[in-house]
Amino acid sequence: MSLRANIFIAIAAFTATVPATSLAYWVPDNTEQGGTEVYDWTNTKSRALVLEELEAAKADPTWNTRQGEATGAWPQGISTPGKTRAQVIQELKSMTAEEKAYIESFYTGA
C-alpha cells in the first residue's frame, strides 16, 4: 500500500472511533471517592433525640479537646501578645545543648 492509502485508512479509523468514544463518560456515585450521588435515607431519629445526644456529647470532658467539624468550633487566634525579637534571641542563647539538639532533630530528617 502506498503512504497515501495508509494515511487515509488511519484518518478514517480515527474519525470512526471519535463518535463512539464521546458516548463514554464517567458517572460518579458514592462507591467512589468524590462521588456526588445523593441517596434519600429516611431519618429514624427525631430532632429532640438528636439534640439530647448532642448535649450528652458536649458534657463529655474531651469535647473541648476536639476541634473542627467534629464539634463545629474552630480554633481561635492567639490572644496573648507575641514575643519580641530580643526575647526570642535571649531564649535561644539560654538553651542547653540538649534542648538545641532536640529542636534540631525536627529539621534533620531524624
Protein backbone atom coordinates (compact mmCIF):
# COMPACT_ATOMS: atom_id res chain seq x y z
CA MET A 1 0.00 0.00 0.00
CA SER A 2 1.09 3.50 -0.63
CA LEU A 3 1.72 6.11 2.02
CA ARG A 4 -1.44 7.98 0.97
CA ALA A 5 -3.58 4.90 1.43
CA ASN A 6 -2.12 4.26 4.90
CA ILE A 7 -2.76 7.85 5.97
CA PHE A 8 -6.32 7.70 4.58
CA ILE A 9 -7.04 4.45 6.50
CA ALA A 10 -5.62 5.94 9.71
CA ILE A 11 -7.75 9.09 9.36
CA ALA A 12 -10.86 7.05 8.54
CA ALA A 13 -10.30 4.80 11.56
CA PHE A 14 -9.80 7.82 13.82
CA THR A 15 -12.94 9.60 12.61
CA ALA A 16 -14.96 6.41 13.06
CA THR A 17 -13.87 5.98 16.70
CA VAL A 18 -14.39 9.60 17.81
CA PRO A 19 -18.23 9.40 17.98
CA ALA A 20 -18.08 6.07 19.82
CA THR A 21 -15.67 7.37 22.49
CA SER A 22 -17.67 10.55 23.03
CA LEU A 23 -20.55 8.46 24.37
CA ALA A 24 -18.38 7.00 27.14
CA TYR A 25 -18.40 9.17 30.27
CA TRP A 26 -17.91 8.66 33.98
CA VAL A 27 -20.94 8.72 36.26
CA PRO A 28 -19.89 9.29 39.88
CA ASP A 29 -21.68 7.69 42.79
CA ASN A 30 -20.93 7.14 46.46
CA THR A 31 -18.99 3.94 45.78
CA GLU A 32 -16.04 6.02 44.58
CA GLN A 33 -14.16 8.82 46.25
CA GLY A 34 -15.55 12.17 45.26
CA GLY A 35 -18.95 10.80 44.34
CA THR A 36 -21.85 13.20 44.11
CA GLU A 37 -24.91 10.99 44.09
CA VAL A 38 -27.29 11.69 46.95
CA TYR A 39 -29.35 8.91 48.48
CA ASP A 40 -32.61 9.76 50.18
CA TRP A 41 -32.44 7.99 53.53
CA THR A 42 -35.33 8.34 55.89
CA ASN A 43 -34.26 9.66 59.27
CA THR A 44 -35.32 7.47 62.19
CA LYS A 45 -34.33 9.97 64.91
CA SER A 46 -36.38 12.92 65.99
CA ARG A 47 -34.87 16.37 66.35
CA ALA A 48 -35.31 16.22 70.12
CA LEU A 49 -33.39 12.93 70.30
CA VAL A 50 -30.55 14.37 68.21
CA LEU A 51 -30.34 17.45 70.44
CA GLU A 52 -30.24 15.21 73.54
CA GLU A 53 -27.36 13.23 72.02
CA LEU A 54 -25.54 16.48 71.22
CA GLU A 55 -25.87 17.73 74.79
CA ALA A 56 -24.63 14.38 76.11
CA ALA A 57 -21.61 14.60 73.79
CA LYS A 58 -20.88 18.17 74.92
CA ALA A 59 -20.94 17.01 78.54
CA ASP A 60 -18.01 14.70 77.78
CA PRO A 61 -14.75 16.21 79.14
CA THR A 62 -12.94 15.50 75.86
CA TRP A 63 -15.39 17.66 73.87
CA ASN A 64 -13.24 20.79 74.17
CA THR A 65 -10.10 18.98 73.01
CA ARG A 66 -11.66 18.09 69.68
CA GLN A 67 -11.75 20.79 67.01
CA GLY A 68 -13.16 21.41 63.58
CA GLU A 69 -16.05 19.58 62.03
CA ALA A 70 -16.39 17.15 64.94
CA THR A 71 -17.53 19.92 67.29
CA GLY A 72 -18.48 22.71 64.93
CA ALA A 73 -15.96 25.00 66.67
CA TRP A 74 -12.79 26.22 65.03
CA PRO A 75 -9.65 27.14 66.96
CA GLN A 76 -9.45 30.79 67.92
CA GLY A 77 -6.48 33.03 67.29
CA ILE A 78 -3.78 33.55 69.91
CA SER A 79 -4.95 36.24 72.31
CA THR A 80 -1.61 36.76 74.08
CA PRO A 81 0.85 39.19 72.54
CA GLY A 82 3.82 37.71 70.70
CA LYS A 83 7.42 37.86 71.85
CA THR A 84 9.82 40.50 70.71
CA ARG A 85 12.89 39.65 68.66
CA ALA A 86 15.13 40.36 71.65
CA GLN A 87 13.15 37.92 73.84
CA VAL A 88 13.45 35.16 71.26
CA ILE A 89 17.19 35.72 70.84
CA GLN A 90 17.64 35.65 74.63
CA GLU A 91 15.76 32.33 74.84
CA LEU A 92 17.91 30.84 72.06
CA LYS A 93 21.10 31.91 73.84
CA SER A 94 19.95 30.44 77.14
CA MET A 95 19.15 26.98 75.70
CA THR A 96 21.14 23.96 76.82
CA ALA A 97 22.91 21.73 74.31
CA GLU A 98 20.28 19.00 74.85
CA GLU A 99 17.44 21.40 74.06
CA LYS A 100 19.20 22.59 70.90
CA ALA A 101 19.83 19.01 69.77
CA TYR A 102 16.16 18.15 70.39
CA ILE A 103 14.93 21.08 68.32
CA GLU A 104 17.45 20.41 65.53
CA SER A 105 16.22 16.80 65.35
CA PHE A 106 12.98 18.15 63.87
CA TYR A 107 14.80 19.53 60.85
CA THR A 108 17.50 16.96 60.12
CA GLY A 109 15.14 14.26 58.88
CA ALA A 110 15.60 12.16 62.02
